[in-house]
N, C-alpha and C. Protein backbone atom coordinates (compact mmCIF):
# COMPACT_ATOMS: atom_id res chain seq x y z
N MET A 1 -157.79 -35.33 179.50
CA MET A 1 -158.67 -34.53 178.68
C MET A 1 -158.64 -33.20 179.36
N LYS A 2 -158.79 -32.03 178.57
CA LYS A 2 -158.71 -30.55 179.15
C LYS A 2 -159.93 -29.89 178.27
N LEU A 3 -160.66 -29.18 179.03
CA LEU A 3 -161.70 -28.35 178.38
C LEU A 3 -161.09 -26.81 178.18
N ILE A 4 -161.23 -26.25 176.94
CA ILE A 4 -160.74 -25.01 176.61
C ILE A 4 -161.95 -24.41 176.08
N PRO A 5 -162.49 -23.28 176.85
CA PRO A 5 -163.66 -22.49 176.41
C PRO A 5 -163.39 -21.68 175.16
N LEU A 6 -164.31 -21.56 174.22
CA LEU A 6 -164.19 -20.71 173.05
C LEU A 6 -164.92 -19.49 173.32
N ALA A 7 -164.70 -18.52 172.34
CA ALA A 7 -165.43 -17.10 172.37
C ALA A 7 -165.87 -16.72 173.82
N ASP A 8 -167.08 -16.50 174.00
CA ASP A 8 -167.59 -15.92 175.46
C ASP A 8 -168.05 -16.96 176.32
N HIS A 9 -167.52 -18.28 175.99
CA HIS A 9 -167.93 -19.26 177.15
C HIS A 9 -167.15 -19.32 178.20
N VAL A 10 -167.75 -19.91 179.35
CA VAL A 10 -167.03 -19.97 180.61
C VAL A 10 -167.26 -21.36 181.20
N ILE A 11 -166.30 -22.05 181.66
CA ILE A 11 -166.34 -23.22 182.49
C ILE A 11 -166.40 -23.04 183.96
N VAL A 12 -167.44 -23.49 184.58
CA VAL A 12 -167.44 -23.22 185.98
C VAL A 12 -167.73 -24.64 186.75
N LYS A 13 -167.38 -24.67 187.95
CA LYS A 13 -167.48 -25.82 188.85
C LYS A 13 -168.21 -25.41 190.17
N GLN A 14 -169.28 -26.09 190.52
CA GLN A 14 -170.02 -25.71 191.65
C GLN A 14 -169.13 -25.86 193.02
N VAL A 15 -169.26 -24.71 193.74
CA VAL A 15 -168.61 -24.66 195.08
C VAL A 15 -169.46 -25.54 196.16
N LYS A 16 -169.05 -26.45 196.90
CA LYS A 16 -169.71 -27.04 197.87
C LYS A 16 -170.12 -26.10 198.90
N ALA A 17 -171.57 -26.20 199.25
CA ALA A 17 -171.99 -25.35 200.32
C ALA A 17 -171.50 -25.95 201.68
N GLU A 18 -171.22 -25.05 202.64
CA GLU A 18 -170.87 -25.44 203.93
C GLU A 18 -171.96 -25.96 204.71
N GLU A 19 -171.99 -27.05 205.23
CA GLU A 19 -173.07 -27.67 206.05
C GLU A 19 -172.89 -27.23 207.50
N LYS A 20 -173.96 -26.72 208.00
CA LYS A 20 -173.88 -26.25 209.48
C LYS A 20 -174.91 -27.21 210.16
N VAL A 21 -174.51 -27.42 211.45
CA VAL A 21 -175.28 -28.19 212.24
C VAL A 21 -176.08 -27.35 213.17
N GLY A 22 -177.42 -27.51 213.25
CA GLY A 22 -178.18 -26.65 214.01
C GLY A 22 -179.46 -27.42 214.58
N GLY A 23 -180.24 -26.68 215.39
CA GLY A 23 -181.37 -27.32 215.90
C GLY A 23 -182.62 -26.90 215.34
N ILE A 24 -182.62 -26.10 214.36
CA ILE A 24 -183.83 -25.69 213.62
C ILE A 24 -184.16 -26.44 212.39
N ILE A 25 -185.44 -26.93 212.16
CA ILE A 25 -185.66 -27.69 210.98
C ILE A 25 -186.52 -26.52 209.92
N LEU A 26 -185.99 -26.32 208.73
CA LEU A 26 -186.56 -25.48 207.74
C LEU A 26 -187.22 -26.21 206.62
N THR A 27 -188.25 -25.82 206.07
CA THR A 27 -188.84 -26.39 204.94
C THR A 27 -187.82 -26.41 203.76
N ALA A 28 -188.08 -27.23 202.82
CA ALA A 28 -186.90 -27.20 201.63
C ALA A 28 -186.86 -25.94 200.89
N ALA A 29 -188.12 -25.13 200.66
CA ALA A 29 -188.02 -23.89 200.16
C ALA A 29 -187.18 -22.82 200.90
N ALA A 30 -187.08 -22.91 202.10
CA ALA A 30 -186.46 -21.87 203.17
C ALA A 30 -184.87 -22.35 203.18
N GLN A 31 -184.63 -23.51 202.77
CA GLN A 31 -183.29 -23.93 202.97
C GLN A 31 -182.59 -23.55 201.59
N GLU A 32 -183.21 -23.38 200.58
CA GLU A 32 -182.49 -23.18 199.23
C GLU A 32 -181.66 -21.90 199.22
N LYS A 33 -180.46 -22.11 198.87
CA LYS A 33 -179.59 -20.90 198.77
C LYS A 33 -179.10 -20.72 197.46
N PRO A 34 -178.56 -19.47 197.04
CA PRO A 34 -178.05 -19.28 195.71
C PRO A 34 -176.82 -20.33 195.33
N GLN A 35 -176.75 -20.90 194.21
CA GLN A 35 -175.76 -21.76 193.88
C GLN A 35 -174.35 -20.94 193.47
N ILE A 36 -173.32 -21.08 194.05
CA ILE A 36 -172.18 -20.38 193.81
C ILE A 36 -171.29 -21.33 193.17
N PHE A 37 -170.64 -20.79 191.97
CA PHE A 37 -169.75 -21.64 191.07
C PHE A 37 -168.30 -20.87 191.07
N GLU A 38 -167.32 -21.61 191.00
CA GLU A 38 -165.95 -21.08 190.77
C GLU A 38 -165.74 -21.13 189.17
N VAL A 39 -165.06 -20.06 188.67
CA VAL A 39 -164.70 -20.08 187.30
C VAL A 39 -163.63 -20.92 187.09
N VAL A 40 -163.46 -22.06 186.27
CA VAL A 40 -162.27 -22.84 186.10
C VAL A 40 -161.39 -22.28 184.76
N ALA A 41 -162.21 -21.80 183.76
CA ALA A 41 -161.67 -21.19 182.69
C ALA A 41 -162.48 -20.36 181.91
N ALA A 42 -161.97 -19.13 181.20
CA ALA A 42 -162.88 -18.44 180.45
C ALA A 42 -162.32 -18.25 179.20
N GLY A 43 -163.30 -18.18 178.04
CA GLY A 43 -162.68 -18.06 176.69
C GLY A 43 -162.20 -16.70 176.50
N PRO A 44 -161.60 -16.41 175.27
CA PRO A 44 -160.89 -15.09 175.14
C PRO A 44 -161.75 -13.90 174.69
N GLY A 45 -163.19 -14.02 174.53
CA GLY A 45 -164.14 -13.07 174.09
C GLY A 45 -164.00 -12.95 172.68
N GLY A 46 -163.92 -11.58 172.23
CA GLY A 46 -163.85 -11.26 170.85
C GLY A 46 -165.29 -11.07 170.15
N MET A 47 -165.29 -11.26 168.92
CA MET A 47 -166.45 -11.08 168.03
C MET A 47 -167.43 -12.38 168.32
N VAL A 48 -168.64 -12.05 168.72
CA VAL A 48 -169.64 -13.12 169.12
C VAL A 48 -170.99 -12.61 168.46
N ASP A 49 -171.40 -13.31 167.34
CA ASP A 49 -172.68 -12.94 166.82
C ASP A 49 -172.63 -11.44 166.31
N GLY A 50 -171.50 -10.98 165.86
CA GLY A 50 -171.35 -9.67 165.18
C GLY A 50 -171.09 -8.43 166.31
N THR A 51 -170.99 -8.77 167.57
CA THR A 51 -170.80 -7.95 168.65
C THR A 51 -169.56 -8.31 169.35
N GLU A 52 -168.79 -7.32 169.65
CA GLU A 52 -167.51 -7.34 170.46
C GLU A 52 -167.91 -7.79 171.92
N VAL A 53 -167.11 -8.70 172.44
CA VAL A 53 -167.44 -9.24 173.74
C VAL A 53 -166.14 -9.22 174.67
N GLU A 54 -166.11 -8.35 175.61
CA GLU A 54 -165.00 -8.42 176.54
C GLU A 54 -165.26 -9.16 177.77
N MET A 55 -164.31 -10.03 178.03
CA MET A 55 -164.62 -10.89 179.18
C MET A 55 -164.32 -10.31 180.58
N THR A 56 -165.28 -10.31 181.41
CA THR A 56 -165.02 -9.69 182.70
C THR A 56 -164.80 -10.76 184.05
N VAL A 57 -164.87 -11.85 183.60
CA VAL A 57 -164.73 -13.01 184.53
C VAL A 57 -163.43 -13.78 184.16
N GLY A 58 -162.77 -14.26 185.29
CA GLY A 58 -161.66 -15.10 184.92
C GLY A 58 -161.42 -16.20 185.86
N ALA A 59 -160.47 -17.11 185.69
CA ALA A 59 -160.24 -18.28 186.58
C ALA A 59 -160.22 -17.80 187.97
N GLY A 60 -160.84 -18.59 188.82
CA GLY A 60 -160.74 -18.37 190.26
C GLY A 60 -161.82 -17.45 190.69
N ASP A 61 -162.70 -16.70 189.84
CA ASP A 61 -163.75 -15.82 190.17
C ASP A 61 -164.92 -16.73 190.87
N LYS A 62 -165.63 -16.23 191.83
CA LYS A 62 -166.77 -16.87 192.31
C LYS A 62 -168.07 -16.13 191.70
N VAL A 63 -169.00 -16.92 191.11
CA VAL A 63 -170.10 -16.35 190.30
C VAL A 63 -171.47 -17.08 190.74
N ILE A 64 -172.60 -16.41 190.38
CA ILE A 64 -173.78 -16.91 190.70
C ILE A 64 -174.54 -17.09 189.35
N LEU A 65 -175.08 -18.27 188.98
CA LEU A 65 -175.79 -18.45 187.77
C LEU A 65 -177.22 -18.72 187.99
N GLY A 66 -178.08 -18.55 186.98
CA GLY A 66 -179.52 -18.87 187.04
C GLY A 66 -179.55 -20.30 187.32
N LYS A 67 -180.70 -20.69 187.93
CA LYS A 67 -180.90 -22.19 188.44
C LYS A 67 -180.71 -23.07 187.24
N TYR A 68 -181.21 -22.82 185.93
CA TYR A 68 -181.11 -23.84 184.91
C TYR A 68 -180.15 -23.44 183.70
N SER A 69 -179.20 -22.64 184.09
CA SER A 69 -178.18 -22.18 183.17
C SER A 69 -177.10 -23.13 182.68
N GLY A 70 -176.68 -23.06 181.49
CA GLY A 70 -175.60 -23.81 181.03
C GLY A 70 -175.85 -25.08 180.56
N THR A 71 -174.85 -25.91 180.18
CA THR A 71 -174.75 -27.23 179.81
C THR A 71 -173.79 -27.92 180.65
N GLN A 72 -174.18 -29.17 181.44
CA GLN A 72 -173.35 -29.87 182.30
C GLN A 72 -172.72 -30.93 181.62
N VAL A 73 -171.43 -31.04 181.88
CA VAL A 73 -170.58 -31.97 181.29
C VAL A 73 -169.77 -32.64 182.38
N LYS A 74 -169.30 -33.88 182.18
CA LYS A 74 -168.52 -34.68 183.12
C LYS A 74 -167.13 -35.08 182.50
N VAL A 75 -166.08 -34.57 183.00
CA VAL A 75 -164.73 -34.90 182.38
C VAL A 75 -163.85 -35.66 183.49
N GLU A 76 -163.47 -36.81 183.26
CA GLU A 76 -162.48 -37.44 184.10
C GLU A 76 -163.10 -37.52 185.66
N GLY A 77 -164.38 -37.81 185.68
CA GLY A 77 -165.19 -37.83 187.12
C GLY A 77 -165.45 -36.46 187.62
N GLU A 78 -165.19 -35.47 187.04
CA GLU A 78 -165.43 -33.98 187.56
C GLU A 78 -166.64 -33.46 186.82
N GLU A 79 -167.68 -32.85 187.44
CA GLU A 79 -168.66 -32.17 186.91
C GLU A 79 -168.36 -30.73 186.64
N TYR A 80 -168.67 -30.21 185.48
CA TYR A 80 -168.59 -28.89 185.09
C TYR A 80 -169.80 -28.32 184.36
N THR A 81 -169.97 -27.06 184.43
CA THR A 81 -171.01 -26.44 183.74
C THR A 81 -170.40 -25.45 182.62
N ILE A 82 -170.96 -25.49 181.55
CA ILE A 82 -170.35 -24.52 180.46
C ILE A 82 -171.62 -23.49 180.23
N VAL A 83 -171.18 -22.11 180.41
CA VAL A 83 -172.30 -21.15 180.21
C VAL A 83 -171.46 -19.95 179.30
N ARG A 84 -172.45 -19.17 178.81
CA ARG A 84 -172.07 -17.98 178.13
C ARG A 84 -171.77 -16.88 179.27
N GLN A 85 -170.90 -16.03 179.02
CA GLN A 85 -170.66 -15.07 180.13
C GLN A 85 -171.95 -14.22 180.37
N GLY A 86 -172.80 -14.09 179.58
CA GLY A 86 -174.16 -13.41 179.66
C GLY A 86 -175.08 -14.07 180.60
N GLU A 87 -174.86 -15.36 180.79
CA GLU A 87 -175.73 -16.11 181.55
C GLU A 87 -175.26 -15.94 183.12
N ILE A 88 -174.05 -15.37 183.49
CA ILE A 88 -173.65 -15.22 184.78
C ILE A 88 -174.40 -14.03 185.31
N LEU A 89 -174.96 -14.22 186.51
CA LEU A 89 -175.91 -13.12 187.16
C LEU A 89 -175.08 -12.21 187.84
N ALA A 90 -174.04 -12.67 188.70
CA ALA A 90 -173.22 -11.87 189.62
C ALA A 90 -171.80 -12.46 189.83
N ILE A 91 -170.85 -11.55 190.18
CA ILE A 91 -169.61 -12.01 190.76
C ILE A 91 -169.58 -11.91 192.19
N VAL A 92 -169.26 -12.79 193.02
CA VAL A 92 -169.36 -12.87 194.42
C VAL A 92 -168.00 -12.30 194.86
N GLU A 93 -167.95 -11.35 195.64
CA GLU A 93 -166.60 -10.66 196.24
C GLU A 93 -166.67 -10.99 197.63
N GLU A 94 -165.81 -11.61 198.43
CA GLU A 94 -165.74 -11.96 199.79
C GLU A 94 -164.86 -11.14 200.52
């Protein structure tokens, strides 16, 4: 099965955070880091709700989403999140 996003939708997959071993124990709130996702596929944009939408993200981009953004789906054992481009908070450049 293959997911193909429509209009201004973007399919992302969470990037696993690197685990580092250290000697300091932090509270759960202090350990929380932004969730970074990789764009798997992006829709073509076009007219969405009467407004022209130009896609600014593409496959391979790393992005940050709001904590409760999008719809989670599971396809062939892989977990993905489908969001509208407007729900993406930032593109991460390394």
